[in-house]
Every structure is written in structure tokens, then in C-alpha cells.
Amino acid sequence: MRKAVVVLLVVVLGLMWAQAVLADEISETIERAQELYLEGKYSEASSELQWAVNLIQNLQAEQLKKLLPDPLTGWEAEEATASIGAMGFFGGGLSVSRTYTKEDTRESIEIQILTESPLLQSMMMFLTNPMMSAGQPDTKLVRIKGEKAVEKFSAQRKDGELSVVLEGKTLITVNGQRITDKEILHKYMEMIDFEAVKKALAG
């Protein structure tokens, strides 16, 4: 037990050290950009600022990856992944995701946290105009921990998706494949700390 505590402490301290180093690099990059700007080297200053933005997004991505929940009992989870900048269909911004599987039933869940995604606009339309879901029998509006959400589930296809938009700028989706009960979508969504996500992306 004592050995496990020591190992955990070493891991936590390592993560804190890595974040401190990255924060120092961000500050130094911003200072360098300011110096270049004052020297009239605008292209170089712009390049440094863009690099600082990339470093900040990397820091946010690492924070968000930690907020993706552990698997439920009987489930297994892959390592969380992150994508910054170009994300194909989803456009720019930041994306972190994690996949969960249940071997005995082959059920699969993927959780994604997206920022600056084109999907945000269409999802906001659903949340602000309930009539949009009226003509879609597999879609309805629900609430998750006080936040409005869009629920899609087809028992026939055995798939579904639960989507929440936080503060109009962050989209969280829980997508399920080969699932027989939509409650599994809610269980995974409810394990996400919405306030921690907002804090990680604040500003």
C-alpha cells in the first residue's frame, strides 16, 4: 500500500513539474514575441505568438485528458488522445477523446470534448429551439446535471449519442455503438466534471 502511494506521488509531482516547465516556456515565448514586436519584427513576433497559442492549447489538452472519466465496472478504456488545430471534418480548435469497450457485449463508448467545432452551431440550434427535434423520433432534449443536452438513441440500430454544450463554446459528446440501453450514455456523461472542464477552458 505504501509503495503504491509513493508511486502515485511521484507521478503527480512529475506531472506538476512538466506543467511548470511548459508554463515557463509559454511566458518566455510571449516575452520574446513582445521584444520582436517592439523591434518592428512583426512577422517573427506573430510567429512567436502563434507558437505560444499552440503551447497553451497543449496545456489545455493535457488538463482535459485528465477529466475524461475512468471506465465503469466491467469496462476497459484506451489512453486518452488529443488533437490540436486541423481536425478534418470538425475544423480547427481542440479535441480530446477516449474510447471505452465492454468485451463481453462488444459495446463501445467514445467521449469527446471539442472546442471551436462547426458542430457547436447546429447543436446550439437544437438546444435553443426545441421544435427542431419534434420531427425526429429518435431525438429529444434532456438535462444532465442542470445542463441542456440532446439525446439521440435508436434501439433498432443499437447506437446513440448524448451531447452537451457548455457556455456556448465547448461541445461534449458521448457516442455509443452496439448499446442496448441509452442509460449507459447518461452514466458516462454524468461522470464528467462540467465545472472542471469550464475552468480548464476559461478565458
Protein backbone atom coordinates (compact mmCIF):
# COMPACT_ATOMS: atom_id res chain seq x y z
CA MET A 1 0.00 0.00 0.00
CA ARG A 2 2.82 2.42 0.98
CA LYS A 3 4.68 1.62 -2.24
CA ALA A 4 1.56 2.42 -4.32
CA VAL A 5 1.21 5.77 -2.55
CA VAL A 6 4.85 6.61 -3.26
CA VAL A 7 4.45 5.73 -6.94
CA LEU A 8 1.30 7.87 -7.20
CA LEU A 9 3.09 10.78 -5.53
CA VAL A 10 5.99 10.52 -7.97
CA VAL A 11 3.58 10.53 -10.94
CA VAL A 12 1.68 13.57 -9.61
CA LEU A 13 4.89 15.50 -8.91
CA GLY A 14 6.15 14.61 -12.39
CA LEU A 15 3.01 16.00 -13.99
CA MET A 16 3.21 19.17 -11.91
CA TRP A 17 6.86 19.66 -12.92
CA ALA A 18 6.04 19.15 -16.61
CA GLN A 19 3.22 21.72 -16.42
CA ALA A 20 5.51 24.22 -14.66
CA VAL A 21 8.15 23.81 -17.37
CA LEU A 22 5.56 24.31 -20.10
CA ALA A 23 4.14 27.38 -18.33
CA ASP A 24 7.65 28.88 -18.16
CA GLU A 25 8.13 28.22 -21.87
CA ILE A 26 4.82 29.94 -22.65
CA SER A 27 5.81 33.03 -20.64
CA GLU A 28 9.22 33.16 -22.32
CA THR A 29 7.66 32.82 -25.78
CA ILE A 30 5.23 35.67 -25.12
CA GLU A 31 8.06 37.88 -23.81
CA ARG A 32 10.12 37.09 -26.91
CA ALA A 33 7.15 38.00 -29.12
CA GLN A 34 6.83 41.35 -27.32
CA GLU A 35 10.53 42.08 -27.82
CA LEU A 36 10.28 41.30 -31.53
CA TYR A 37 7.20 43.49 -31.82
CA LEU A 38 8.98 46.43 -30.21
CA GLU A 39 11.87 45.90 -32.63
CA GLY A 40 9.42 46.13 -35.54
CA LYS A 41 9.87 42.47 -36.50
CA TYR A 42 6.16 41.85 -36.87
CA SER A 43 6.29 38.57 -38.81
CA GLU A 44 8.62 37.00 -36.28
CA ALA A 45 6.51 38.37 -33.40
CA SER A 46 3.38 36.87 -34.97
CA SER A 47 5.11 33.51 -35.37
CA GLU A 48 6.12 33.50 -31.70
CA LEU A 49 2.59 34.36 -30.58
CA GLN A 50 1.17 31.55 -32.70
CA TRP A 51 3.67 29.20 -31.07
CA ALA A 52 2.54 30.42 -27.62
CA VAL A 53 -1.09 29.71 -28.56
CA ASN A 54 -0.09 26.18 -29.58
CA LEU A 55 1.68 25.64 -26.26
CA ILE A 56 -1.35 26.92 -24.34
CA GLN A 57 -3.64 24.57 -26.29
CA ASN A 58 -1.30 21.68 -25.47
CA LEU A 59 -1.55 22.59 -21.80
CA GLN A 60 -5.35 22.73 -22.04
CA ALA A 61 -5.41 19.39 -23.85
CA GLU A 62 -3.43 17.71 -21.09
CA GLN A 63 -5.80 19.13 -18.47
CA LEU A 64 -8.87 17.97 -20.41
CA LYS A 65 -7.47 14.46 -20.93
CA LYS A 66 -7.31 14.07 -17.15
CA LEU A 67 -11.02 14.98 -16.94
CA LEU A 68 -12.14 12.10 -19.16
CA PRO A 69 -13.58 9.57 -16.70
CA ASP A 70 -12.26 6.17 -15.73
CA PRO A 71 -14.18 3.19 -17.15
CA LEU A 72 -17.23 1.87 -15.38
CA THR A 73 -17.03 -1.53 -13.70
CA GLY A 74 -16.74 -4.24 -16.35
CA TRP A 75 -15.45 -1.80 -18.95
CA GLU A 76 -11.96 -1.10 -20.30
CA ALA A 77 -10.59 2.21 -21.57
CA GLU A 78 -7.91 3.19 -24.04
CA GLU A 79 -5.48 6.02 -23.38
CA ALA A 80 -6.99 9.46 -23.92
CA THR A 81 -5.84 11.26 -27.07
CA ALA A 82 -5.77 14.90 -28.14
CA SER A 83 -5.81 16.77 -31.45
CA ILE A 84 -4.97 20.45 -31.85
CA GLY A 85 -5.58 22.65 -34.89
CA ALA A 86 -6.74 20.86 -38.04
CA MET A 87 -9.26 18.16 -37.15
CA GLY A 88 -10.65 17.24 -40.51
CA PHE A 89 -14.44 17.31 -40.51
CA PHE A 90 -14.53 19.08 -37.15
CA GLY A 91 -12.41 22.04 -38.27
CA GLY A 92 -9.93 23.86 -36.04
CA GLY A 93 -9.76 24.12 -32.28
CA LEU A 94 -9.05 21.49 -29.69
CA SER A 95 -10.31 17.93 -29.32
CA VAL A 96 -9.69 15.26 -26.69
CA SER A 97 -11.26 11.82 -26.72
CA ARG A 98 -11.25 8.42 -25.04
CA THR A 99 -12.77 5.10 -26.09
CA TYR A 100 -14.34 2.60 -23.70
CA THR A 101 -15.29 -1.00 -24.51
CA LYS A 102 -17.12 -3.83 -22.80
CA GLU A 103 -15.63 -7.05 -24.08
CA ASP A 104 -18.43 -9.45 -23.17
CA THR A 105 -21.07 -7.44 -25.08
CA ARG A 106 -18.83 -5.58 -27.57
CA GLU A 107 -20.46 -2.32 -26.50
CA SER A 108 -18.38 0.74 -27.30
CA ILE A 109 -18.44 4.31 -25.97
CA GLU A 110 -16.43 7.28 -27.18
CA ILE A 111 -16.28 10.52 -25.21
CA GLN A 112 -15.15 13.70 -26.99
CA ILE A 113 -14.60 17.23 -25.76
CA LEU A 114 -14.45 19.71 -28.65
CA THR A 115 -13.85 23.45 -28.84
CA GLU A 116 -14.38 25.74 -31.84
CA SER A 117 -16.19 22.96 -33.67
CA PRO A 118 -18.67 23.64 -36.53
CA LEU A 119 -20.94 21.16 -34.76
CA LEU A 120 -21.45 23.68 -31.96
CA GLN A 121 -23.69 25.89 -34.10
CA SER A 122 -26.06 23.10 -35.12
CA MET A 123 -26.18 21.74 -31.58
CA MET A 124 -26.97 25.19 -30.18
CA MET A 125 -29.88 25.41 -32.62
CA PHE A 126 -31.32 22.19 -31.16
CA LEU A 127 -30.90 23.44 -27.60
CA THR A 128 -32.46 26.86 -28.21
CA ASN A 129 -35.27 25.66 -30.49
CA PRO A 130 -36.99 22.52 -29.10
CA MET A 131 -39.25 22.36 -32.18
CA MET A 132 -36.26 21.21 -34.25
CA SER A 133 -36.31 17.82 -32.53
CA ALA A 134 -40.08 17.41 -32.94
CA GLY A 135 -39.79 15.72 -36.34
CA GLN A 136 -37.02 13.36 -35.25
CA PRO A 137 -38.46 10.44 -33.24
CA ASP A 138 -35.04 9.25 -32.01
CA THR A 139 -34.05 12.71 -30.74
CA LYS A 140 -35.13 14.61 -27.65
CA LEU A 141 -33.95 17.30 -25.25
CA VAL A 142 -32.91 16.28 -21.72
CA ARG A 143 -30.94 17.77 -18.84
CA ILE A 144 -27.65 16.45 -17.49
CA LYS A 145 -26.60 17.90 -14.13
CA GLY A 146 -28.57 21.03 -14.89
CA GLU A 147 -27.19 21.48 -18.42
CA LYS A 148 -29.37 21.14 -21.52
CA ALA A 149 -28.47 18.15 -23.68
CA VAL A 150 -29.52 16.49 -26.93
CA GLU A 151 -30.18 12.76 -26.69
CA LYS A 152 -30.25 10.53 -29.76
CA PHE A 153 -30.88 6.81 -29.43
CA SER A 154 -32.09 4.04 -31.70
CA ALA A 155 -32.88 0.71 -30.06
CA GLN A 156 -33.15 -0.83 -33.52
CA ARG A 157 -29.68 0.27 -34.64
CA LYS A 158 -28.26 -0.07 -31.13
CA ASP A 159 -26.49 3.27 -31.27
CA GLY A 160 -26.89 6.64 -29.65
CA GLU A 161 -25.31 9.96 -28.77
CA LEU A 162 -25.64 12.37 -25.89
CA SER A 163 -24.40 15.94 -26.45
CA VAL A 164 -23.94 18.85 -24.06
CA VAL A 165 -22.78 22.39 -24.89
CA LEU A 166 -21.06 24.27 -22.07
CA GLU A 167 -21.21 28.08 -22.11
CA GLY A 168 -21.85 28.05 -25.85
CA LYS A 169 -18.26 27.18 -26.73
CA THR A 170 -17.48 23.62 -25.65
CA LEU A 171 -19.18 20.50 -27.01
CA ILE A 172 -19.09 17.26 -25.05
CA THR A 173 -20.40 14.14 -26.77
CA VAL A 174 -20.83 10.58 -25.56
CA ASN A 175 -21.29 8.30 -28.56
CA GLY A 176 -22.37 4.68 -28.15
CA GLN A 177 -22.21 1.75 -30.57
CA ARG A 178 -23.83 -1.67 -30.11
CA ILE A 179 -25.55 -0.43 -26.95
CA THR A 180 -28.91 -1.80 -25.83
CA ASP A 181 -29.67 0.76 -23.12
CA LYS A 182 -29.33 4.52 -23.55
CA GLU A 183 -28.69 4.89 -19.81
CA ILE A 184 -25.04 3.96 -20.40
CA LEU A 185 -24.68 7.26 -22.30
CA HIS A 186 -26.03 9.15 -19.29
CA LYS A 187 -23.81 7.28 -16.83
CA TYR A 188 -20.64 8.24 -18.70
CA MET A 189 -21.76 11.83 -19.27
CA GLU A 190 -22.63 12.26 -15.59
CA MET A 191 -19.09 11.18 -14.65
CA ILE A 192 -17.63 14.23 -16.40
CA ASP A 193 -16.95 17.23 -14.17
CA PHE A 194 -18.53 20.06 -16.19
CA GLU A 195 -17.21 22.77 -13.86
CA ALA A 196 -13.66 21.45 -14.21
CA VAL A 197 -14.00 21.46 -18.00
CA LYS A 198 -15.21 25.07 -17.92
CA LYS A 199 -12.28 26.03 -15.69
CA ALA A 200 -9.74 24.32 -17.95
CA LEU A 201 -11.05 26.26 -20.97
CA ALA A 202 -11.77 29.55 -19.20
CA GLY A 203 -10.57 32.81 -20.76
